[in-house]
Amino acid sequence: MGIYCPETGFNTVVPYIGGLTEEDGDVALVAQSGWVCEHVMLISYERGLRFSKVLSIGNQSDLTFVDFLEYLGSDPKTTSFLRISKE
C-alpha cells in the first residue's frame, strides 16, 4: 500500500523515482493494487498527467473506497477521479 501527495512531497508509492513529487495536478487515483498505482503513475507521468493524490487501498480492512471517495470529493486540489478495480 502506498500514498502519493505531491503537495506535501509524501511518496510511498514510487519513492525511488526522483522528481515525481515536484509537480501536482488535479486528478486523484485510487486502486486496490500498489503495483497498478505505480505503473499508472509512471505511464501517466510520462504523458504529462499529474496527480493530486494517489492511494493504494489494499484489502480495505479499515478504510474503504467510500471513505476515500468522500475525502477526495471534498479535496479542493482534486477535480477528477480515477478508480481502478478488478470488480
Protein backbone atom coordinates (compact mmCIF):
# COMPACT_ATOMS: atom_id res chain seq x y z
CA MET A 1 0.00 0.00 0.00
CA GLY A 2 1.12 3.50 -0.61
CA ILE A 3 0.22 7.15 -0.66
CA TYR A 4 1.39 9.86 -3.02
CA CYS A 5 0.72 13.52 -2.25
CA PRO A 6 2.89 15.87 -4.31
CA GLU A 7 1.68 18.94 -2.41
CA THR A 8 3.49 17.70 0.69
CA GLY A 9 6.22 15.69 -1.06
CA PHE A 10 4.97 12.47 0.54
CA ASN A 11 5.57 9.48 -1.73
CA THR A 12 5.47 5.85 -0.63
CA VAL A 13 4.15 4.52 -3.95
CA VAL A 14 7.28 5.08 -6.06
CA PRO A 15 9.80 6.72 -3.73
CA TYR A 16 12.72 5.61 -5.91
CA ILE A 17 11.66 7.80 -8.87
CA GLY A 18 13.26 11.21 -8.48
CA GLY A 19 11.32 14.35 -9.38
CA LEU A 20 7.92 12.73 -9.21
CA THR A 21 6.85 14.81 -6.22
CA GLU A 22 7.72 18.15 -7.82
CA GLU A 23 4.51 18.78 -9.75
CA ASP A 24 0.95 18.20 -8.71
CA GLY A 25 -2.22 18.01 -10.77
CA ASP A 26 -5.94 17.75 -10.18
CA VAL A 27 -6.58 14.03 -10.79
CA ALA A 28 -6.86 11.54 -7.92
CA LEU A 29 -6.16 7.84 -8.42
CA VAL A 30 -7.41 5.08 -6.12
CA ALA A 31 -6.55 1.44 -6.79
CA GLN A 32 -6.55 -1.78 -4.81
CA SER A 33 -3.12 -2.74 -6.08
CA GLY A 34 0.11 -0.92 -5.28
CA TRP A 35 1.60 -2.34 -8.48
CA VAL A 36 -1.23 -0.82 -10.51
CA CYS A 37 -0.79 2.55 -8.80
CA GLU A 38 2.92 2.51 -9.55
CA HIS A 39 2.53 1.68 -13.22
CA VAL A 40 -0.38 4.04 -13.86
CA MET A 41 1.58 6.83 -12.18
CA LEU A 42 4.71 6.20 -14.25
CA ILE A 43 2.86 5.93 -17.57
CA SER A 44 0.73 8.99 -16.77
CA TYR A 45 3.75 10.99 -15.66
CA GLU A 46 5.50 10.23 -18.98
CA ARG A 47 2.42 11.53 -20.82
CA GLY A 48 2.14 14.75 -18.82
CA LEU A 49 -0.68 13.80 -16.43
CA ARG A 50 -0.13 14.91 -12.85
CA PHE A 51 -1.98 13.71 -9.75
CA SER A 52 -3.33 15.49 -6.70
CA LYS A 53 -3.35 12.27 -4.68
CA VAL A 54 -2.70 8.58 -5.36
CA LEU A 55 -3.93 5.96 -2.91
CA SER A 56 -3.29 2.24 -2.94
CA ILE A 57 -6.00 0.89 -0.65
CA GLY A 58 -5.17 -2.80 -0.43
CA ASN A 59 -7.86 -5.01 1.10
CA GLN A 60 -9.75 -2.07 2.69
CA SER A 61 -9.72 -3.72 6.12
CA ASP A 62 -10.06 -0.38 7.91
CA LEU A 63 -10.85 2.42 5.47
CA THR A 64 -12.93 1.68 2.39
CA PHE A 65 -13.23 3.08 -1.09
CA VAL A 66 -16.24 5.12 0.07
CA ASP A 67 -14.12 6.77 2.80
CA PHE A 68 -11.55 7.83 0.22
CA LEU A 69 -14.21 8.99 -2.22
CA GLU A 70 -15.74 11.22 0.46
CA TYR A 71 -12.32 12.68 1.27
CA LEU A 72 -11.33 13.26 -2.36
CA GLY A 73 -14.77 14.73 -3.14
CA SER A 74 -14.11 17.49 -0.64
CA ASP A 75 -10.45 17.98 -1.60
CA PRO A 76 -10.04 21.37 -3.35
CA LYS A 77 -6.90 20.05 -5.12
CA THR A 78 -8.87 17.25 -6.83
CA THR A 79 -11.27 17.87 -9.72
CA SER A 80 -11.18 14.44 -11.41
CA PHE A 81 -11.15 10.96 -10.03
CA LEU A 82 -9.87 7.64 -11.41
CA ARG A 83 -10.71 4.35 -9.76
CA ILE A 84 -9.06 1.15 -10.89
CA SER A 85 -10.70 -2.00 -9.62
CA LYS A 86 -10.95 -5.63 -10.60
CA GLU A 87 -14.61 -5.67 -9.52
